[in-house]
Amino acid sequence: MPDPAEPTPDPAVPLSAVPPPARRATAAQWVSAARPRTLPAALTPVLVGTGAAAALGGPAWVPAALALVVALALQVGVNYANDYSDGVRGTDAERVGPFRLVGSGAAEPRTVRDAAFACFAVAGLAGLAVVALSEHWWLLLVGAASVAAAWYYTGGKRPYGYAGLGEVFVFVFFGLVAVLGTTYVQVDRVGGAALAGAFCVGLLACAILVANNLRDVPTDALAGKRTLAVRLGERRSRLLFAGLVAGGLAAALACAPWHPWVLLVLLAVPLAVRPLRTVLGGAAGRDLIPVLKDTGVLELAVGALLAVGLAL
């Protein structure tokens, strides 16, 4: 997923305009800026796609492992890309959320940008290996589109994250593309269960993004960042979050008539209570930060149980 929406550098603003870092970033700061709490959004679609492949006669473990490398590398890459983009634009000056390398002055912008590109390169190499194994060379276009979506989320002259389209791209790439692609490279086809799983994962990933953007509505509005949460306003964004969580659970359960073990997903429903209560209860600013972790845990739990249910 992209990591929940952040802006991008204006090419007209030279990197020299960014104040030099006061110190060298520590390993712990680099790990923090990679935003480990967002990694369930990368792991979950691979789990669900592999579960769907098992239901269709798979799985194939080498393509599944390579798909996981692609997903994780893209997730970390987009997080570093967002850090770089926001830092260059100067929109992290009043940051409420996690630590930022560029915005804090802990690392040179070029270094963070290069780290993002390195992650994209790892994703590209793993993706090339997947394509070579599957011999579906047209998937190279899908991979290129995924990398482009990761960068232009907040990069380029007109980042789509600034236009309120972040949720659309997260649903497409962290839901449909990631789940269906994982299934397809293992068994050369997809089915109704994979599609239901893709909707489930995509909706829950969007819920994480909505929670993130809801937290940042005041600062994003001042910075001219027109995320969907800014466009909808806080009240409707809270309702959207609840709808996405409910929709994700419903999509997971939609294939229960054909795969009864999918009802295991119901075990994860209690995990939805706390983030829903927090968001619908009117929490704002830093009080919404735990919602990102809680929703990520919910997505991972739902995905793991769905994968097991499909495999069984």
Protein backbone atom coordinates (compact mmCIF):
# COMPACT_ATOMS: atom_id res chain seq x y z
CA MET A 1 0.00 0.00 0.00
CA PRO A 2 1.23 2.71 -0.51
CA ASP A 3 1.96 3.78 2.96
CA PRO A 4 -0.85 6.04 3.79
CA ALA A 5 -0.84 9.13 1.72
CA GLU A 6 1.94 11.66 1.77
CA PRO A 7 3.00 14.45 -0.65
CA THR A 8 5.86 14.81 -3.10
CA PRO A 9 8.69 17.12 -3.93
CA ASP A 10 8.07 19.89 -6.40
CA PRO A 11 10.69 19.44 -9.16
CA ALA A 12 11.04 23.22 -9.18
CA VAL A 13 12.39 23.11 -5.61
CA PRO A 14 16.09 22.14 -5.63
CA LEU A 15 17.33 19.76 -3.01
CA SER A 16 19.77 22.44 -1.96
CA ALA A 17 16.80 24.39 -0.63
CA VAL A 18 16.30 21.73 2.04
CA PRO A 19 18.28 22.43 5.24
CA PRO A 20 21.18 19.99 5.64
CA PRO A 21 20.77 17.30 8.30
CA ALA A 22 22.15 18.05 11.70
CA ARG A 23 23.29 14.45 12.25
CA ARG A 24 23.51 11.01 10.67
CA ALA A 25 20.34 8.96 11.03
CA THR A 26 20.65 5.90 13.26
CA ALA A 27 19.65 2.40 12.25
CA ALA A 28 16.66 2.64 14.57
CA GLN A 29 15.54 5.84 12.84
CA TRP A 30 15.80 4.21 9.42
CA VAL A 31 13.70 1.30 10.68
CA SER A 32 11.15 3.70 12.14
CA ALA A 33 10.94 5.64 8.87
CA ALA A 34 10.31 2.37 7.03
CA ARG A 35 7.10 2.27 9.10
CA PRO A 36 6.95 -1.41 10.11
CA ARG A 37 3.33 -1.01 11.19
CA THR A 38 2.35 -0.71 7.52
CA LEU A 39 3.93 -4.04 6.54
CA PRO A 40 0.76 -6.09 7.20
CA ALA A 41 -0.69 -4.31 4.16
CA ALA A 42 2.08 -5.95 2.10
CA LEU A 43 2.04 -9.37 3.78
CA THR A 44 -1.73 -9.88 3.83
CA PRO A 45 -2.42 -9.93 0.06
CA VAL A 46 0.29 -12.54 -0.44
CA LEU A 47 -1.22 -14.73 2.29
CA VAL A 48 -4.70 -14.45 0.82
CA GLY A 49 -3.50 -14.96 -2.75
CA THR A 50 -1.61 -18.07 -1.69
CA GLY A 51 -4.65 -19.39 0.19
CA ALA A 52 -6.73 -18.89 -2.95
CA ALA A 53 -4.06 -20.69 -4.97
CA ALA A 54 -4.27 -23.61 -2.54
CA ALA A 55 -8.02 -23.75 -3.12
CA LEU A 56 -7.31 -24.03 -6.85
CA GLY A 57 -4.80 -26.86 -6.55
CA GLY A 58 -1.63 -24.98 -5.52
CA PRO A 59 0.27 -23.44 -3.91
CA ALA A 60 3.67 -22.91 -5.54
CA TRP A 61 5.98 -21.79 -2.76
CA VAL A 62 8.83 -20.21 -4.74
CA PRO A 63 6.56 -17.78 -6.65
CA ALA A 64 4.72 -17.08 -3.40
CA ALA A 65 7.98 -16.22 -1.62
CA LEU A 66 9.09 -13.98 -4.47
CA ALA A 67 5.70 -12.25 -4.49
CA LEU A 68 6.19 -11.55 -0.78
CA VAL A 69 9.59 -9.96 -1.47
CA VAL A 70 7.99 -7.77 -4.15
CA ALA A 71 5.20 -6.66 -1.82
CA LEU A 72 7.45 -5.90 1.16
CA ALA A 73 10.04 -4.07 -0.94
CA LEU A 74 7.38 -1.91 -2.58
CA GLN A 75 5.84 -1.07 0.79
CA VAL A 76 9.12 0.01 2.35
CA GLY A 77 10.06 1.82 -0.85
CA VAL A 78 6.89 3.87 -0.92
CA ASN A 79 7.35 4.75 2.75
CA TYR A 80 10.83 6.11 2.07
CA ALA A 81 9.57 7.86 -1.06
CA ASN A 82 6.86 9.58 1.01
CA ASP A 83 9.44 10.60 3.60
CA TYR A 84 11.61 12.15 0.89
CA SER A 85 8.71 13.85 -0.88
CA ASP A 86 7.17 15.38 2.23
CA GLY A 87 10.54 16.50 3.49
CA VAL A 88 11.42 18.31 0.28
CA ARG A 89 8.03 19.97 0.13
CA GLY A 90 8.31 21.03 3.76
CA THR A 91 4.96 19.52 4.74
CA ASP A 92 6.46 17.53 7.62
CA ALA A 93 7.24 20.65 9.67
CA GLU A 94 4.15 20.15 11.85
CA ARG A 95 4.04 16.37 11.56
CA VAL A 96 1.76 14.50 13.98
CA GLY A 97 2.59 10.99 12.87
CA PRO A 98 5.69 8.77 12.84
CA PHE A 99 9.31 9.92 12.70
CA ARG A 100 10.53 11.33 9.38
CA LEU A 101 14.13 11.23 8.18
CA VAL A 102 14.09 14.25 5.87
CA GLY A 103 11.59 16.37 7.77
CA SER A 104 13.55 15.95 11.00
CA GLY A 105 16.87 16.72 9.34
CA ALA A 106 18.25 13.31 10.32
CA ALA A 107 19.16 12.29 6.76
CA GLU A 108 20.00 13.91 3.44
CA PRO A 109 17.03 13.98 1.04
CA ARG A 110 19.11 12.29 -1.69
CA THR A 111 19.98 9.45 0.67
CA VAL A 112 16.34 8.78 1.49
CA ARG A 113 15.38 9.03 -2.18
CA ASP A 114 18.11 6.54 -3.09
CA ALA A 115 16.88 4.18 -0.37
CA ALA A 116 13.42 4.29 -1.94
CA PHE A 117 14.87 3.55 -5.38
CA ALA A 118 16.92 0.68 -3.94
CA CYS A 119 13.75 -0.87 -2.53
CA PHE A 120 12.03 -0.47 -5.90
CA ALA A 121 15.02 -2.18 -7.53
CA VAL A 122 14.71 -5.14 -5.16
CA ALA A 123 11.01 -5.36 -5.95
CA GLY A 124 11.80 -5.22 -9.67
CA LEU A 125 14.36 -8.02 -9.52
CA ALA A 126 12.06 -10.27 -7.49
CA GLY A 127 9.22 -9.46 -9.84
CA LEU A 128 11.37 -10.32 -12.85
CA ALA A 129 12.13 -13.69 -11.27
CA VAL A 130 8.41 -14.32 -10.73
CA VAL A 131 7.69 -13.47 -14.35
CA ALA A 132 10.48 -15.72 -15.59
CA LEU A 133 9.16 -18.64 -13.55
CA SER A 134 5.55 -18.11 -14.65
CA GLU A 135 6.52 -17.24 -18.25
CA HIS A 136 3.73 -14.65 -18.31
CA TRP A 137 5.88 -11.82 -19.63
CA TRP A 138 2.98 -9.39 -19.86
CA LEU A 139 3.14 -9.22 -16.08
CA LEU A 140 6.20 -7.00 -16.50
CA LEU A 141 3.75 -4.23 -17.42
CA VAL A 142 1.86 -4.84 -14.18
CA GLY A 143 5.11 -4.63 -12.25
CA ALA A 144 6.11 -1.39 -13.95
CA ALA A 145 2.68 0.07 -13.18
CA SER A 146 3.06 -0.94 -9.52
CA VAL A 147 6.41 0.82 -9.18
CA ALA A 148 5.06 3.91 -10.94
CA ALA A 149 2.05 3.95 -8.62
CA ALA A 150 4.36 3.67 -5.61
CA TRP A 151 6.42 6.69 -6.68
CA TYR A 152 3.70 8.96 -8.06
CA TYR A 153 1.56 8.47 -4.98
CA THR A 154 3.39 11.50 -3.67
CA GLY A 155 6.01 12.04 -6.38
CA GLY A 156 6.08 14.01 -9.59
CA LYS A 157 4.40 17.26 -10.48
CA ARG A 158 0.87 16.06 -9.76
CA PRO A 159 0.89 13.32 -7.12
CA TYR A 160 -2.40 11.47 -7.05
CA GLY A 161 -2.25 11.30 -3.24
CA TYR A 162 -2.76 15.07 -3.27
CA ALA A 163 -5.86 14.72 -5.42
CA GLY A 164 -7.81 12.40 -3.12
CA LEU A 165 -7.13 9.30 -5.25
CA GLY A 166 -4.92 7.45 -2.79
CA GLU A 167 -7.65 5.06 -1.71
CA VAL A 168 -8.45 4.14 -5.32
CA PHE A 169 -4.87 3.16 -6.06
CA VAL A 170 -4.45 1.35 -2.75
CA PHE A 171 -7.54 -0.73 -3.48
CA VAL A 172 -6.31 -1.55 -6.99
CA PHE A 173 -2.67 -2.33 -6.21
CA PHE A 174 -2.81 -3.59 -2.62
CA GLY A 175 -6.06 -5.44 -3.22
CA LEU A 176 -6.80 -6.54 -6.76
CA VAL A 177 -3.30 -6.60 -8.25
CA ALA A 178 -1.51 -8.03 -5.20
CA VAL A 179 -3.98 -10.80 -4.35
CA LEU A 180 -4.98 -11.83 -7.87
CA GLY A 181 -1.40 -11.55 -9.09
CA THR A 182 -0.14 -13.78 -6.26
CA THR A 183 -2.74 -16.40 -7.11
CA TYR A 184 -2.17 -16.20 -10.85
CA VAL A 185 1.62 -16.71 -10.77
CA GLN A 186 1.11 -19.87 -8.71
CA VAL A 187 -1.73 -21.64 -10.55
CA ASP A 188 -2.11 -19.71 -13.84
CA ARG A 189 -5.68 -18.70 -13.07
CA VAL A 190 -7.84 -16.93 -10.54
CA GLY A 191 -11.27 -17.70 -9.18
CA GLY A 192 -14.17 -16.26 -7.24
CA ALA A 193 -12.46 -16.88 -3.89
CA ALA A 194 -9.38 -14.95 -5.01
CA LEU A 195 -11.57 -12.07 -6.18
CA ALA A 196 -13.46 -11.97 -2.87
CA GLY A 197 -10.13 -12.04 -1.05
CA ALA A 198 -8.84 -9.19 -3.20
CA PHE A 199 -11.84 -7.05 -2.28
CA CYS A 200 -11.41 -7.92 1.39
CA VAL A 201 -7.73 -6.98 1.45
CA GLY A 202 -8.22 -3.88 -0.67
CA LEU A 203 -10.99 -2.50 1.52
CA LEU A 204 -9.08 -3.08 4.76
CA ALA A 205 -5.94 -1.51 3.29
CA CYS A 206 -8.04 1.52 2.34
CA ALA A 207 -9.30 1.67 5.92
CA ILE A 208 -5.69 2.04 7.13
CA LEU A 209 -5.15 4.89 4.69
CA VAL A 210 -8.37 6.64 5.69
CA ALA A 211 -7.37 6.45 9.37
CA ASN A 212 -3.96 7.88 8.53
CA ASN A 213 -5.43 10.74 6.52
CA LEU A 214 -8.11 11.42 9.10
CA ARG A 215 -5.32 11.97 11.64
CA ASP A 216 -3.64 14.48 9.31
CA VAL A 217 -6.71 16.41 8.11
CA PRO A 218 -5.79 19.73 9.84
CA THR A 219 -2.16 19.78 8.65
CA ASP A 220 -2.96 18.41 5.19
CA ALA A 221 -5.63 21.05 4.64
CA LEU A 222 -3.15 23.79 5.54
CA ALA A 223 -0.51 22.30 3.22
CA GLY A 224 -2.95 22.11 0.32
CA LYS A 225 -2.99 18.33 0.37
CA ARG A 226 -6.49 17.37 -0.76
CA THR A 227 -6.71 13.79 0.45
CA LEU A 228 -10.04 12.04 0.41
CA ALA A 229 -10.36 12.70 4.16
CA VAL A 230 -9.83 16.42 3.59
CA ARG A 231 -12.41 16.42 0.79
CA LEU A 232 -15.00 14.45 2.75
CA GLY A 233 -14.45 16.09 6.11
CA GLU A 234 -13.89 14.34 9.41
CA ARG A 235 -17.44 13.14 10.06
CA ARG A 236 -17.89 11.41 6.71
CA SER A 237 -14.34 10.06 6.81
CA ARG A 238 -15.12 8.34 10.11
CA LEU A 239 -18.20 6.74 8.56
CA LEU A 240 -16.14 5.72 5.53
CA PHE A 241 -13.61 4.01 7.80
CA ALA A 242 -16.39 1.99 9.45
CA GLY A 243 -17.84 1.10 6.05
CA LEU A 244 -14.49 -0.10 4.74
CA VAL A 245 -13.90 -2.32 7.77
CA ALA A 246 -17.40 -3.80 7.51
CA GLY A 247 -17.05 -4.24 3.76
CA GLY A 248 -13.71 -5.99 4.12
CA LEU A 249 -15.14 -8.49 6.60
CA ALA A 250 -18.22 -9.05 4.42
CA ALA A 251 -16.08 -9.68 1.34
CA ALA A 252 -14.03 -12.27 3.22
CA LEU A 253 -17.17 -14.09 4.29
CA ALA A 254 -18.76 -13.92 0.85
CA CYS A 255 -17.16 -17.17 -0.28
CA ALA A 256 -18.18 -19.11 2.85
CA PRO A 257 -21.01 -20.96 1.02
CA TRP A 258 -18.35 -22.63 -1.19
CA HIS A 259 -15.52 -22.65 1.35
CA PRO A 260 -17.11 -23.13 4.80
CA TRP A 261 -13.79 -22.93 6.65
CA VAL A 262 -13.67 -19.25 5.69
CA LEU A 263 -15.98 -18.72 8.67
CA LEU A 264 -12.75 -18.77 10.70
CA VAL A 265 -12.58 -15.08 9.78
CA LEU A 266 -15.24 -14.46 12.40
CA LEU A 267 -12.55 -15.05 15.03
CA ALA A 268 -10.96 -11.77 13.97
CA VAL A 269 -14.11 -9.67 14.34
CA PRO A 270 -13.34 -8.66 17.97
CA LEU A 271 -10.15 -7.00 16.69
CA ALA A 272 -12.31 -4.50 14.83
CA VAL A 273 -13.98 -3.21 17.98
CA ARG A 274 -11.19 -0.98 19.31
CA PRO A 275 -10.30 0.86 16.07
CA LEU A 276 -13.98 1.36 15.26
CA ARG A 277 -14.71 2.67 18.74
CA THR A 278 -11.74 5.04 18.56
CA VAL A 279 -12.57 6.43 15.13
CA LEU A 280 -16.33 6.69 15.62
CA GLY A 281 -15.79 8.10 19.10
CA GLY A 282 -14.22 11.23 17.64
CA ALA A 283 -10.53 10.68 18.41
CA ALA A 284 -8.22 13.08 16.56
CA GLY A 285 -4.53 13.80 16.03
CA ARG A 286 -2.14 11.58 17.97
CA ASP A 287 -5.05 9.66 19.47
CA LEU A 288 -5.60 8.12 16.02
CA ILE A 289 -2.07 6.74 15.72
CA PRO A 290 -2.95 3.45 17.52
CA VAL A 291 -5.76 2.95 15.00
CA LEU A 292 -3.18 2.40 12.27
CA LYS A 293 -1.61 -0.46 14.21
CA ASP A 294 -4.97 -1.91 15.27
CA THR A 295 -6.35 -1.84 11.73
CA GLY A 296 -3.13 -3.35 10.39
CA VAL A 297 -3.40 -6.18 12.92
CA LEU A 298 -7.05 -6.66 11.94
CA GLU A 299 -6.15 -6.87 8.26
CA LEU A 300 -3.36 -9.36 8.94
CA ALA A 301 -5.56 -11.53 11.17
CA VAL A 302 -8.44 -11.52 8.68
CA GLY A 303 -6.06 -12.31 5.83
CA ALA A 304 -4.34 -15.15 7.67
CA LEU A 305 -7.65 -16.74 8.72
CA LEU A 306 -9.06 -16.30 5.23
CA ALA A 307 -5.97 -17.91 3.71
CA VAL A 308 -6.25 -20.87 6.10
CA GLY A 309 -9.98 -21.19 5.45
CA LEU A 310 -9.43 -21.25 1.67
CA ALA A 311 -6.58 -23.74 1.95
CA LEU A 312 -8.67 -26.08 4.08
